[in-house]
Amino acid sequence: MSDKPEANAYWAANIKIVTWCLVIWAVVPFLFGILLQPVMPGFAFWVAQQGSILVFLAIIFFYAWRMNKLDAEHGVDEQ
């Protein structure tokens, strides 16, 4: 990738994906584990202990899938 605007577009898309993953990573345990504790104590405890781990794993798989797709779109994939 020698084209500077193309590289900037790639990294802008990458930062956007990372930002959304981090927002989800921060919001899920905070929202379900802390804020919903008075409303749904059992569910909030489960999310804080087990559900957030499942969400984190889903974020990892989503990020890998989306970055492979983004790499292919910008011609920097490993194939």
N, C-alpha and C. Protein backbone atom coordinates (compact mmCIF):
# COMPACT_ATOMS: atom_id res chain seq x y z
N MET A 1 0.83 -1.18 0.00
CA MET A 1 0.00 0.00 0.00
C MET A 1 0.88 1.24 0.00
N SER A 2 1.20 1.73 -1.16
CA SER A 2 2.02 2.92 -1.25
C SER A 2 1.18 4.18 -1.38
N ASP A 3 -0.10 4.03 -1.58
CA ASP A 3 -0.99 5.17 -1.76
C ASP A 3 -1.38 5.74 -0.41
N LYS A 4 -0.99 6.95 -0.10
CA LYS A 4 -1.24 7.55 1.22
C LYS A 4 -2.73 7.71 1.53
N PRO A 5 -3.58 8.23 0.63
CA PRO A 5 -5.02 8.32 0.96
C PRO A 5 -5.66 6.96 1.21
N GLU A 6 -5.21 5.95 0.47
CA GLU A 6 -5.74 4.60 0.69
C GLU A 6 -5.33 4.08 2.06
N ALA A 7 -4.10 4.34 2.46
CA ALA A 7 -3.62 3.92 3.78
C ALA A 7 -4.39 4.65 4.87
N ASN A 8 -4.64 5.93 4.68
CA ASN A 8 -5.41 6.70 5.67
C ASN A 8 -6.84 6.17 5.78
N ALA A 9 -7.44 5.81 4.66
CA ALA A 9 -8.80 5.26 4.69
C ALA A 9 -8.82 3.92 5.43
N TYR A 10 -7.80 3.11 5.19
CA TYR A 10 -7.70 1.81 5.87
C TYR A 10 -7.61 2.00 7.39
N TRP A 11 -6.71 2.89 7.82
CA TRP A 11 -6.53 3.09 9.25
C TRP A 11 -7.72 3.78 9.89
N ALA A 12 -8.39 4.64 9.16
CA ALA A 12 -9.59 5.28 9.70
C ALA A 12 -10.67 4.23 9.94
N ALA A 13 -10.83 3.30 8.99
CA ALA A 13 -11.80 2.23 9.16
C ALA A 13 -11.40 1.31 10.31
N ASN A 14 -10.12 1.04 10.44
CA ASN A 14 -9.61 0.20 11.52
C ASN A 14 -9.89 0.84 12.88
N ILE A 15 -9.61 2.12 13.01
CA ILE A 15 -9.86 2.83 14.27
C ILE A 15 -11.35 2.86 14.60
N LYS A 16 -12.19 2.99 13.58
CA LYS A 16 -13.63 2.98 13.81
C LYS A 16 -14.08 1.63 14.38
N ILE A 17 -13.58 0.55 13.82
CA ILE A 17 -13.92 -0.79 14.30
C ILE A 17 -13.44 -0.98 15.74
N VAL A 18 -12.20 -0.59 15.99
CA VAL A 18 -11.63 -0.73 17.34
C VAL A 18 -12.42 0.10 18.34
N THR A 19 -12.80 1.31 17.96
CA THR A 19 -13.56 2.17 18.86
C THR A 19 -14.89 1.54 19.24
N TRP A 20 -15.61 1.02 18.25
CA TRP A 20 -16.90 0.39 18.54
C TRP A 20 -16.73 -0.86 19.41
N CYS A 21 -15.69 -1.64 19.15
CA CYS A 21 -15.45 -2.83 19.98
C CYS A 21 -15.15 -2.42 21.42
N LEU A 22 -14.37 -1.36 21.61
CA LEU A 22 -14.06 -0.90 22.96
C LEU A 22 -15.29 -0.33 23.67
N VAL A 23 -16.14 0.34 22.93
CA VAL A 23 -17.37 0.87 23.53
C VAL A 23 -18.25 -0.27 24.02
N ILE A 24 -18.43 -1.28 23.17
CA ILE A 24 -19.23 -2.44 23.58
C ILE A 24 -18.58 -3.14 24.76
N TRP A 25 -17.25 -3.29 24.72
CA TRP A 25 -16.51 -3.94 25.79
C TRP A 25 -16.72 -3.22 27.12
N ALA A 26 -16.81 -1.89 27.10
CA ALA A 26 -16.98 -1.12 28.33
C ALA A 26 -18.43 -1.04 28.78
N VAL A 27 -19.36 -0.96 27.84
CA VAL A 27 -20.76 -0.72 28.17
C VAL A 27 -21.45 -1.98 28.71
N VAL A 28 -21.17 -3.12 28.11
CA VAL A 28 -21.90 -4.34 28.50
C VAL A 28 -21.72 -4.67 29.99
N PRO A 29 -20.51 -4.78 30.50
CA PRO A 29 -20.42 -5.10 31.93
C PRO A 29 -20.92 -3.96 32.82
N PHE A 30 -20.69 -2.71 32.40
CA PHE A 30 -21.13 -1.59 33.22
C PHE A 30 -22.65 -1.51 33.26
N LEU A 31 -23.28 -1.59 32.09
CA LEU A 31 -24.73 -1.46 32.03
C LEU A 31 -25.42 -2.62 32.71
N PHE A 32 -25.07 -3.84 32.32
CA PHE A 32 -25.77 -5.00 32.86
C PHE A 32 -25.28 -5.38 34.25
N GLY A 33 -23.99 -5.23 34.50
CA GLY A 33 -23.45 -5.65 35.78
C GLY A 33 -23.67 -4.68 36.91
N ILE A 34 -23.76 -3.39 36.62
CA ILE A 34 -23.86 -2.40 37.68
C ILE A 34 -25.21 -1.68 37.67
N LEU A 35 -25.57 -1.09 36.53
CA LEU A 35 -26.77 -0.26 36.49
C LEU A 35 -28.07 -1.06 36.60
N LEU A 36 -28.08 -2.28 36.09
CA LEU A 36 -29.30 -3.09 36.16
C LEU A 36 -29.36 -3.97 37.42
N GLN A 37 -28.40 -3.81 38.31
CA GLN A 37 -28.38 -4.62 39.53
C GLN A 37 -29.65 -4.46 40.36
N PRO A 38 -30.15 -3.25 40.58
CA PRO A 38 -31.38 -3.13 41.39
C PRO A 38 -32.61 -3.71 40.70
N VAL A 39 -32.63 -3.69 39.37
CA VAL A 39 -33.81 -4.14 38.63
C VAL A 39 -33.81 -5.66 38.44
N MET A 40 -32.69 -6.20 38.02
CA MET A 40 -32.57 -7.64 37.74
C MET A 40 -31.31 -8.17 38.42
N PRO A 41 -31.34 -8.42 39.72
CA PRO A 41 -30.10 -8.79 40.41
C PRO A 41 -29.48 -10.10 39.94
N GLY A 42 -30.28 -11.10 39.68
CA GLY A 42 -29.72 -12.38 39.23
C GLY A 42 -29.10 -12.29 37.85
N PHE A 43 -29.81 -11.63 36.94
CA PHE A 43 -29.31 -11.47 35.58
C PHE A 43 -28.07 -10.59 35.56
N ALA A 44 -28.07 -9.52 36.34
CA ALA A 44 -26.92 -8.62 36.39
C ALA A 44 -25.69 -9.36 36.91
N PHE A 45 -25.87 -10.19 37.92
CA PHE A 45 -24.75 -10.97 38.45
C PHE A 45 -24.23 -11.94 37.41
N TRP A 46 -25.13 -12.62 36.69
CA TRP A 46 -24.71 -13.56 35.66
C TRP A 46 -23.93 -12.85 34.56
N VAL A 47 -24.41 -11.70 34.12
CA VAL A 47 -23.71 -10.95 33.06
C VAL A 47 -22.35 -10.50 33.56
N ALA A 48 -22.28 -10.03 34.78
CA ALA A 48 -21.00 -9.57 35.32
C ALA A 48 -20.00 -10.72 35.42
N GLN A 49 -20.48 -11.93 35.71
CA GLN A 49 -19.57 -13.04 35.91
C GLN A 49 -19.33 -13.87 34.64
N GLN A 50 -20.37 -14.18 33.90
CA GLN A 50 -20.25 -15.09 32.76
C GLN A 50 -20.56 -14.43 31.43
N GLY A 51 -21.61 -13.64 31.41
CA GLY A 51 -22.07 -13.07 30.15
C GLY A 51 -21.07 -12.12 29.53
N SER A 52 -20.36 -11.35 30.35
CA SER A 52 -19.39 -10.42 29.79
C SER A 52 -18.24 -11.17 29.13
N ILE A 53 -17.87 -12.32 29.64
CA ILE A 53 -16.83 -13.13 29.00
C ILE A 53 -17.30 -13.58 27.63
N LEU A 54 -18.54 -14.00 27.53
CA LEU A 54 -19.08 -14.41 26.22
C LEU A 54 -19.13 -13.23 25.25
N VAL A 55 -19.48 -12.06 25.75
CA VAL A 55 -19.48 -10.87 24.90
C VAL A 55 -18.07 -10.55 24.44
N PHE A 56 -17.09 -10.66 25.32
CA PHE A 56 -15.71 -10.40 24.94
C PHE A 56 -15.25 -11.37 23.87
N LEU A 57 -15.61 -12.63 24.00
CA LEU A 57 -15.25 -13.61 22.97
C LEU A 57 -15.92 -13.29 21.65
N ALA A 58 -17.17 -12.87 21.69
CA ALA A 58 -17.87 -12.47 20.47
C ALA A 58 -17.19 -11.27 19.82
N ILE A 59 -16.73 -10.32 20.63
CA ILE A 59 -16.02 -9.16 20.09
C ILE A 59 -14.73 -9.59 19.40
N ILE A 60 -14.01 -10.52 19.99
CA ILE A 60 -12.76 -11.00 19.39
C ILE A 60 -13.04 -11.64 18.04
N PHE A 61 -14.03 -12.51 17.97
CA PHE A 61 -14.35 -13.16 16.70
C PHE A 61 -14.87 -12.16 15.67
N PHE A 62 -15.69 -11.20 16.10
CA PHE A 62 -16.17 -10.16 15.20
C PHE A 62 -15.00 -9.34 14.66
N TYR A 63 -14.09 -8.95 15.53
CA TYR A 63 -12.96 -8.13 15.11
C TYR A 63 -12.09 -8.88 14.09
N ALA A 64 -11.81 -10.14 14.35
CA ALA A 64 -11.00 -10.92 13.40
C ALA A 64 -11.70 -11.05 12.05
N TRP A 65 -13.00 -11.33 12.07
CA TRP A 65 -13.76 -11.46 10.83
C TRP A 65 -13.79 -10.14 10.07
N ARG A 66 -14.08 -9.05 10.78
CA ARG A 66 -14.22 -7.75 10.13
C ARG A 66 -12.87 -7.24 9.61
N MET A 67 -11.79 -7.49 10.34
CA MET A 67 -10.48 -7.05 9.87
C MET A 67 -10.03 -7.86 8.66
N ASN A 68 -10.35 -9.13 8.60
CA ASN A 68 -10.05 -9.91 7.40
C ASN A 68 -10.78 -9.34 6.20
N LYS A 69 -12.03 -8.98 6.40
CA LYS A 69 -12.83 -8.38 5.33
C LYS A 69 -12.26 -7.02 4.93
N LEU A 70 -11.88 -6.21 5.91
CA LEU A 70 -11.30 -4.89 5.63
C LEU A 70 -9.96 -5.02 4.92
N ASP A 71 -9.14 -5.97 5.33
CA ASP A 71 -7.86 -6.20 4.67
C ASP A 71 -8.06 -6.56 3.20
N ALA A 72 -9.04 -7.42 2.93
CA ALA A 72 -9.31 -7.81 1.56
C ALA A 72 -9.82 -6.61 0.74
N GLU A 73 -10.64 -5.76 1.34
CA GLU A 73 -11.15 -4.59 0.63
C GLU A 73 -10.05 -3.62 0.24
N HIS A 74 -9.01 -3.53 1.08
CA HIS A 74 -7.93 -2.57 0.84
C HIS A 74 -6.69 -3.22 0.23
N GLY A 75 -6.76 -4.48 -0.06
CA GLY A 75 -5.66 -5.16 -0.73
C GLY A 75 -4.45 -5.44 0.14
N VAL A 76 -4.64 -5.58 1.42
CA VAL A 76 -3.53 -5.89 2.32
C VAL A 76 -3.72 -7.23 3.02
N ASP A 77 -4.57 -8.08 2.44
CA ASP A 77 -4.80 -9.38 3.06
C ASP A 77 -3.59 -10.28 2.87
N GLU A 78 -3.57 -11.40 3.58
CA GLU A 78 -2.43 -12.28 3.60
C GLU A 78 -2.41 -13.29 2.47
N GLN A 79 -3.32 -13.21 1.56
CA GLN A 79 -3.36 -14.21 0.48
C GLN A 79 -2.55 -13.81 -0.70
